[in-house]
Amino acid sequence: MKRIFDKPLPLTAKINVTPIIDVALVLVIILLITAPMLAVADIDVNLPVAQTRGAEDEATVSITLSKAGELAVNEDVISPEALVPVLGSIISESKNENILVVLRADREVPYQFIRQILSEARAAGAKRLAIATLQSDKGNS
């Protein structure tokens, strides 16, 4: 038996949120993948080669020193005199008290400059220091 309505049923408009959620999740995944790549300054550095263990998933502060003497903390290029205050302000944050400070220096930079940067990082409050190197091929030792 067929029903006949006197008044037509009201139309309800609904927004389908599934595509919006899909796009948002894809954007979040892209940001999570690309964020670690953006934390290093865009200074041309030729890192020395060494046998190292794999990279650990932990928070780091990157200090970059080029052979031309350019200095950067994370992605910000700074003057050498500003290293201690800038690094000190980053380390003084409560979540960064035990952060790993990684020095990325060009292989042609004299060691005296590397030693100076490391001592300034200690003066800024860094407890854990590391020097970045390229992973060497184990067969070419």
Protein backbone atom coordinates (compact mmCIF):
# COMPACT_ATOMS: atom_id res chain seq x y z
CA MET A 1 0.00 0.00 0.00
CA LYS A 2 1.38 3.37 -1.00
CA ARG A 3 1.30 6.29 1.38
CA ILE A 4 0.32 9.68 0.13
CA PHE A 5 1.42 12.70 2.11
CA ASP A 6 -0.42 15.94 2.01
CA LYS A 7 2.69 17.99 2.79
CA PRO A 8 6.07 17.10 1.33
CA LEU A 9 8.74 16.08 3.83
CA PRO A 10 11.17 18.89 4.70
CA LEU A 11 14.59 18.61 3.08
CA THR A 12 17.52 18.38 5.46
CA ALA A 13 20.90 19.55 4.29
CA LYS A 14 23.89 17.85 5.92
CA ILE A 15 27.54 18.48 5.36
CA ASN A 16 29.61 15.38 4.80
CA VAL A 17 32.65 15.89 7.10
CA THR A 18 34.51 12.73 6.11
CA PRO A 19 36.45 14.35 3.22
CA ILE A 20 37.32 17.32 5.44
CA ILE A 21 38.71 15.00 8.12
CA ASP A 22 40.66 13.02 5.51
CA VAL A 23 42.31 16.16 4.13
CA ALA A 24 43.10 17.43 7.64
CA LEU A 25 44.75 14.15 8.62
CA VAL A 26 46.84 14.09 5.44
CA LEU A 27 48.03 17.64 6.18
CA VAL A 28 48.95 16.67 9.76
CA ILE A 29 50.96 13.69 8.49
CA ILE A 30 52.78 15.89 5.96
CA LEU A 31 53.63 18.43 8.66
CA LEU A 32 54.90 15.72 11.01
CA ILE A 33 57.21 14.39 8.30
CA THR A 34 58.54 17.75 7.13
CA ALA A 35 58.92 19.51 10.52
CA PRO A 36 62.25 17.86 11.47
CA MET A 37 63.72 18.91 8.11
CA LEU A 38 62.94 22.56 8.77
CA ALA A 39 64.81 22.74 12.08
CA VAL A 40 68.24 23.05 10.45
CA ALA A 41 69.59 26.27 8.95
CA ASP A 42 70.14 26.53 5.22
CA ILE A 43 73.92 26.95 5.40
CA ASP A 44 76.11 24.83 3.14
CA VAL A 45 78.09 22.51 5.45
CA ASN A 46 80.33 19.61 4.46
CA LEU A 47 80.16 17.30 7.52
CA PRO A 48 83.05 14.99 8.43
CA VAL A 49 82.52 11.23 8.07
CA ALA A 50 82.53 8.88 11.08
CA GLN A 51 81.03 5.62 12.20
CA THR A 52 78.09 6.58 14.38
CA ARG A 53 75.07 4.98 15.87
CA GLY A 54 71.65 5.67 14.40
CA ALA A 55 69.83 8.90 15.07
CA GLU A 56 67.76 8.91 18.21
CA ASP A 57 64.27 10.31 18.44
CA GLU A 58 64.79 13.08 20.93
CA ALA A 59 64.62 16.84 21.03
CA THR A 60 67.77 18.59 19.89
CA VAL A 61 69.13 22.07 19.34
CA SER A 62 71.26 22.33 16.21
CA ILE A 63 74.23 24.71 16.05
CA THR A 64 75.57 25.01 12.48
CA LEU A 65 79.02 26.44 11.66
CA SER A 66 80.08 26.85 8.03
CA LYS A 67 83.63 27.12 6.73
CA ALA A 68 82.91 30.79 5.94
CA GLY A 69 82.21 31.41 9.64
CA GLU A 70 78.42 31.65 9.39
CA LEU A 71 76.71 30.49 12.58
CA ALA A 72 73.10 29.37 13.08
CA VAL A 73 71.04 28.02 15.95
CA ASN A 74 68.33 25.73 14.58
CA GLU A 75 67.12 27.65 11.51
CA ASP A 76 68.10 31.15 12.67
CA VAL A 77 71.40 32.63 11.41
CA ILE A 78 73.03 34.59 14.26
CA SER A 79 76.25 36.43 15.00
CA PRO A 80 78.94 34.59 17.02
CA GLU A 81 78.48 37.04 19.91
CA ALA A 82 74.77 36.14 20.17
CA LEU A 83 75.37 32.38 20.57
CA VAL A 84 75.43 32.25 24.38
CA PRO A 85 72.31 34.43 24.92
CA VAL A 86 70.28 32.69 22.19
CA LEU A 87 71.29 29.19 23.27
CA GLY A 88 70.81 30.11 26.92
CA SER A 89 67.26 31.27 26.28
CA ILE A 90 66.42 28.02 24.49
CA ILE A 91 67.95 25.84 27.21
CA SER A 92 66.37 27.85 30.04
CA GLU A 93 62.88 26.74 29.01
CA SER A 94 61.60 24.10 31.45
CA LYS A 95 61.08 21.40 28.81
CA ASN A 96 64.63 21.90 27.43
CA GLU A 97 66.70 21.52 30.59
CA ASN A 98 68.26 18.21 29.44
CA ILE A 99 68.14 18.83 25.67
CA LEU A 100 70.87 17.51 23.36
CA VAL A 101 72.89 20.26 21.65
CA VAL A 102 74.28 19.07 18.30
CA LEU A 103 77.13 20.95 16.62
CA ARG A 104 77.14 20.66 12.82
CA ALA A 105 80.46 22.05 11.59
CA ASP A 106 82.04 21.91 8.14
CA ARG A 107 84.97 19.49 7.98
CA GLU A 108 87.29 22.34 6.95
CA VAL A 109 86.57 24.41 10.10
CA PRO A 110 89.64 24.43 12.39
CA TYR A 111 89.13 22.49 15.61
CA GLN A 112 89.84 25.56 17.76
CA PHE A 113 86.56 27.10 16.54
CA ILE A 114 84.66 23.89 17.24
CA ARG A 115 86.15 23.75 20.75
CA GLN A 116 85.19 27.41 21.29
CA ILE A 117 81.58 26.78 20.20
CA LEU A 118 81.35 23.74 22.51
CA SER A 119 82.69 25.73 25.49
CA GLU A 120 80.22 28.55 24.76
CA ALA A 121 77.41 25.99 24.62
CA ARG A 122 78.50 24.71 28.04
CA ALA A 123 78.53 28.31 29.32
CA ALA A 124 74.97 28.72 28.03
CA GLY A 125 73.87 25.77 30.18
CA ALA A 126 74.07 22.80 27.80
CA LYS A 127 74.57 19.54 29.68
CA ARG A 128 74.60 17.17 26.70
CA LEU A 129 76.71 17.96 23.62
CA ALA A 130 77.31 16.07 20.38
CA ILE A 131 79.13 16.70 17.11
CA ALA A 132 77.27 15.74 13.91
CA THR A 133 79.07 13.59 11.36
CA LEU A 134 78.12 11.74 8.20
CA GLN A 135 77.51 8.01 8.48
CA SER A 136 80.44 6.19 6.88
CA ASP A 137 80.10 3.05 4.79
CA LYS A 138 81.09 0.09 6.97
CA GLY A 139 82.70 -1.66 3.99
CA ASN A 140 84.99 1.28 3.19
CA SER A 141 86.85 1.47 6.50
